[in-house]
């Protein structure tokens, strides 16, 4: 099994920044892609950022230019740097991992960490 543990969520003022981390442990050799989904109350869960083992990144239009995802393959850790946060970014952020690509399949989920952006 693969376990994903998120950290770094919290409360921040609009325009501020947060840094989310996701550490993967267990049988991680088959993981090719890791990233972050988010889900706000009343909204569908959406993929906001992903990164492959080779370093290829992808972002949703809503966060492009504000969020940056990075991956430390040796540590099996993914970091999401969130800048210029907006109230619309308020959501539970879930780390996810895939043997292929996150936009097509999610094999493992973290428990989520809450990000709240105040106006």
C-alpha atoms as a PDB file:
ATOM      1  CA  UNK A   1       0.000   0.000   0.000  1.00  0.00           C
ATOM      2  CA  UNK A   2       0.873   3.657  -0.376  1.00  0.00           C
ATOM      3  CA  UNK A   3       0.115   6.194   2.314  1.00  0.00           C
ATOM      4  CA  UNK A   4      -0.108   9.904   1.580  1.00  0.00           C
ATOM      5  CA  UNK A   5       0.137  12.394   4.422  1.00  0.00           C
ATOM      6  CA  UNK A   6      -0.578  16.076   3.836  1.00  0.00           C
ATOM      7  CA  UNK A   7       0.531  18.991   5.928  1.00  0.00           C
ATOM      8  CA  UNK A   8       0.620  22.757   5.731  1.00  0.00           C
ATOM      9  CA  UNK A   9      -3.020  23.740   5.550  1.00  0.00           C
ATOM     10  CA  UNK A  10      -4.426  26.548   7.607  1.00  0.00           C
ATOM     11  CA  UNK A  11      -5.976  29.983   7.617  1.00  0.00           C
ATOM     12  CA  UNK A  12      -4.504  32.773   5.532  1.00  0.00           C
ATOM     13  CA  UNK A  13      -5.557  36.226   4.431  1.00  0.00           C
ATOM     14  CA  UNK A  14      -6.339  36.895   0.800  1.00  0.00           C
ATOM     15  CA  UNK A  15      -3.135  37.611  -1.059  1.00  0.00           C
ATOM     16  CA  UNK A  16      -1.107  35.465   1.277  1.00  0.00           C
ATOM     17  CA  UNK A  17       0.724  32.215   0.733  1.00  0.00           C
ATOM     18  CA  UNK A  18       0.701  28.674   2.016  1.00  0.00           C
ATOM     19  CA  UNK A  19       2.922  25.709   1.345  1.00  0.00           C
ATOM     20  CA  UNK A  20       1.389  22.251   1.303  1.00  0.00           C
ATOM     21  CA  UNK A  21       3.469  19.111   1.552  1.00  0.00           C
ATOM     22  CA  UNK A  22       2.578  15.514   0.791  1.00  0.00           C
ATOM     23  CA  UNK A  23       4.801  12.661   1.886  1.00  0.00           C
ATOM     24  CA  UNK A  24       4.329   9.249   0.319  1.00  0.00           C
ATOM     25  CA  UNK A  25       5.361   6.091   2.106  1.00  0.00           C
ATOM     26  CA  UNK A  26       4.985   2.376   1.611  1.00  0.00           C
ATOM     27  CA  UNK A  27       5.280   0.661  -1.742  1.00  0.00           C
ATOM     28  CA  UNK A  28       5.890   3.734  -3.871  1.00  0.00           C
ATOM     29  CA  UNK A  29       7.970   2.389  -6.728  1.00  0.00           C
ATOM     30  CA  UNK A  30       5.100   2.283  -9.198  1.00  0.00           C
ATOM     31  CA  UNK A  31       3.955   5.874  -8.642  1.00  0.00           C
ATOM     32  CA  UNK A  32       4.429   8.004 -11.722  1.00  0.00           C
ATOM     33  CA  UNK A  33       2.333  11.076 -10.951  1.00  0.00           C
ATOM     34  CA  UNK A  34       1.485  12.961  -7.787  1.00  0.00           C
ATOM     35  CA  UNK A  35      -0.477  16.090  -7.228  1.00  0.00           C
ATOM     36  CA  UNK A  36      -3.276  17.908  -5.510  1.00  0.00           C
ATOM     37  CA  UNK A  37      -7.031  17.968  -5.814  1.00  0.00           C
ATOM     38  CA  UNK A  38      -9.309  20.307  -3.949  1.00  0.00           C
ATOM     39  CA  UNK A  39     -12.950  20.305  -3.018  1.00  0.00           C
ATOM     40  CA  UNK A  40     -14.931  23.242  -1.726  1.00  0.00           C
ATOM     41  CA  UNK A  41     -18.377  22.926  -0.139  1.00  0.00           C
ATOM     42  CA  UNK A  42     -20.999  22.517  -2.814  1.00  0.00           C
ATOM     43  CA  UNK A  43     -18.447  22.062  -5.567  1.00  0.00           C
ATOM     44  CA  UNK A  44     -16.944  19.099  -7.336  1.00  0.00           C
ATOM     45  CA  UNK A  45     -13.462  17.938  -6.579  1.00  0.00           C
ATOM     46  CA  UNK A  46     -10.995  19.253  -9.120  1.00  0.00           C
ATOM     47  CA  UNK A  47      -7.418  18.508  -9.996  1.00  0.00           C
ATOM     48  CA  UNK A  48      -5.389  21.661  -9.500  1.00  0.00           C
ATOM     49  CA  UNK A  49      -1.804  20.550 -10.068  1.00  0.00           C
ATOM     50  CA  UNK A  50       0.194  17.443 -10.858  1.00  0.00           C
ATOM     51  CA  UNK A  51       3.757  16.428 -11.516  1.00  0.00           C
ATOM     52  CA  UNK A  52       5.247  13.283 -13.004  1.00  0.00           C
ATOM     53  CA  UNK A  53       8.399  11.524 -11.916  1.00  0.00           C
ATOM     54  CA  UNK A  54      10.125  13.028 -14.940  1.00  0.00           C
ATOM     55  CA  UNK A  55       9.165  16.507 -13.771  1.00  0.00           C
ATOM     56  CA  UNK A  56       6.366  17.358 -16.176  1.00  0.00           C
ATOM     57  CA  UNK A  57       3.849  19.641 -14.487  1.00  0.00           C
ATOM     58  CA  UNK A  58       0.257  20.508 -15.155  1.00  0.00           C
ATOM     59  CA  UNK A  59      -2.026  23.143 -13.639  1.00  0.00           C
ATOM     60  CA  UNK A  60      -5.665  24.003 -13.794  1.00  0.00           C
ATOM     61  CA  UNK A  61      -6.467  27.357 -15.342  1.00  0.00           C
ATOM     62  CA  UNK A  62      -7.734  28.677 -12.026  1.00  0.00           C
ATOM     63  CA  UNK A  63      -4.362  28.319 -10.302  1.00  0.00           C
ATOM     64  CA  UNK A  64      -1.900  28.667 -13.163  1.00  0.00           C
ATOM     65  CA  UNK A  65       0.603  31.399 -12.426  1.00  0.00           C
ATOM     66  CA  UNK A  66      -0.164  31.390  -8.705  1.00  0.00           C
ATOM     67  CA  UNK A  67       0.576  27.820  -7.626  1.00  0.00           C
ATOM     68  CA  UNK A  68       3.773  25.882  -8.181  1.00  0.00           C
ATOM     69  CA  UNK A  69       4.145  22.149  -7.727  1.00  0.00           C
ATOM     70  CA  UNK A  70       7.457  20.413  -7.178  1.00  0.00           C
ATOM     71  CA  UNK A  71       8.563  16.877  -6.412  1.00  0.00           C
ATOM     72  CA  UNK A  72      11.483  15.341  -4.603  1.00  0.00           C
ATOM     73  CA  UNK A  73      11.676  11.841  -6.044  1.00  0.00           C
ATOM     74  CA  UNK A  74      14.289  10.713  -3.541  1.00  0.00           C
ATOM     75  CA  UNK A  75      12.062  11.696  -0.625  1.00  0.00           C
ATOM     76  CA  UNK A  76       8.794  10.827  -2.358  1.00  0.00           C
ATOM     77  CA  UNK A  77       7.458  14.211  -1.392  1.00  0.00           C
ATOM     78  CA  UNK A  78       5.385  16.698  -3.364  1.00  0.00           C
ATOM     79  CA  UNK A  79       5.072  20.349  -2.437  1.00  0.00           C
ATOM     80  CA  UNK A  80       2.433  22.805  -3.570  1.00  0.00           C
ATOM     81  CA  UNK A  81       3.450  26.417  -3.127  1.00  0.00           C
ATOM     82  CA  UNK A  82       0.330  28.561  -3.197  1.00  0.00           C
ATOM     83  CA  UNK A  83       0.749  32.285  -3.692  1.00  0.00           C
ATOM     84  CA  UNK A  84      -1.701  35.141  -4.156  1.00  0.00           C
ATOM     85  CA  UNK A  85      -4.398  33.104  -2.496  1.00  0.00           C
ATOM     86  CA  UNK A  86      -7.998  34.092  -3.051  1.00  0.00           C
ATOM     87  CA  UNK A  87     -11.150  33.266  -1.091  1.00  0.00           C
ATOM     88  CA  UNK A  88     -12.138  31.036  -4.002  1.00  0.00           C
ATOM     89  CA  UNK A  89      -9.152  28.843  -3.169  1.00  0.00           C
ATOM     90  CA  UNK A  90     -10.779  27.833   0.112  1.00  0.00           C
ATOM     91  CA  UNK A  91     -11.181  24.076   0.045  1.00  0.00           C
ATOM     92  CA  UNK A  92      -9.973  20.808   1.413  1.00  0.00           C
ATOM     93  CA  UNK A  93      -6.839  19.934  -0.505  1.00  0.00           C
ATOM     94  CA  UNK A  94      -6.147  16.272  -1.111  1.00  0.00           C
ATOM     95  CA  UNK A  95      -2.851  14.791  -2.121  1.00  0.00           C
ATOM     96  CA  UNK A  96      -3.171  12.090  -4.749  1.00  0.00           C
ATOM     97  CA  UNK A  97      -0.928   9.624  -6.517  1.00  0.00           C
ATOM     98  CA  UNK A  98      -1.277   7.664  -9.719  1.00  0.00           C
ATOM     99  CA  UNK A  99       0.581   4.872 -11.431  1.00  0.00           C
ATOM    100  CA  UNK A 100      -0.093   6.758 -14.653  1.00  0.00           C
ATOM    101  CA  UNK A 101      -1.604  10.245 -14.827  1.00  0.00           C
ATOM    102  CA  UNK A 102      -3.799  11.923 -12.243  1.00  0.00           C
ATOM    103  CA  UNK A 103      -6.155  13.350 -14.833  1.00  0.00           C
ATOM    104  CA  UNK A 104      -7.118   9.817 -15.824  1.00  0.00           C
ATOM    105  CA  UNK A 105      -6.759   7.737 -12.663  1.00  0.00           C
ATOM    106  CA  UNK A 106      -6.160   8.188  -8.954  1.00  0.00           C
ATOM    107  CA  UNK A 107      -4.769   5.164  -7.150  1.00  0.00           C
ATOM    108  CA  UNK A 108      -4.151   6.692  -3.727  1.00  0.00           C
ATOM    109  CA  UNK A 109      -5.633   9.555  -1.760  1.00  0.00           C
ATOM    110  CA  UNK A 110      -4.502  11.466   1.261  1.00  0.00           C
ATOM    111  CA  UNK A 111      -6.939  12.410   4.002  1.00  0.00           C
ATOM    112  CA  UNK A 112      -6.912  16.080   3.069  1.00  0.00           C
ATOM    113  CA  UNK A 113      -5.875  19.337   4.662  1.00  0.00           C
ATOM    114  CA  UNK A 114      -8.105  22.384   4.969  1.00  0.00           C
ATOM    115  CA  UNK A 115      -7.082  25.672   3.404  1.00  0.00           C
ATOM    116  CA  UNK A 116      -9.166  28.689   4.356  1.00  0.00           C
ATOM    117  CA  UNK A 117      -8.584  32.047   2.695  1.00  0.00           C
ATOM    118  CA  UNK A 118     -10.322  34.979   4.328  1.00  0.00           C
ATOM    119  CA  UNK A 119     -11.441  38.094   2.476  1.00  0.00           C
END
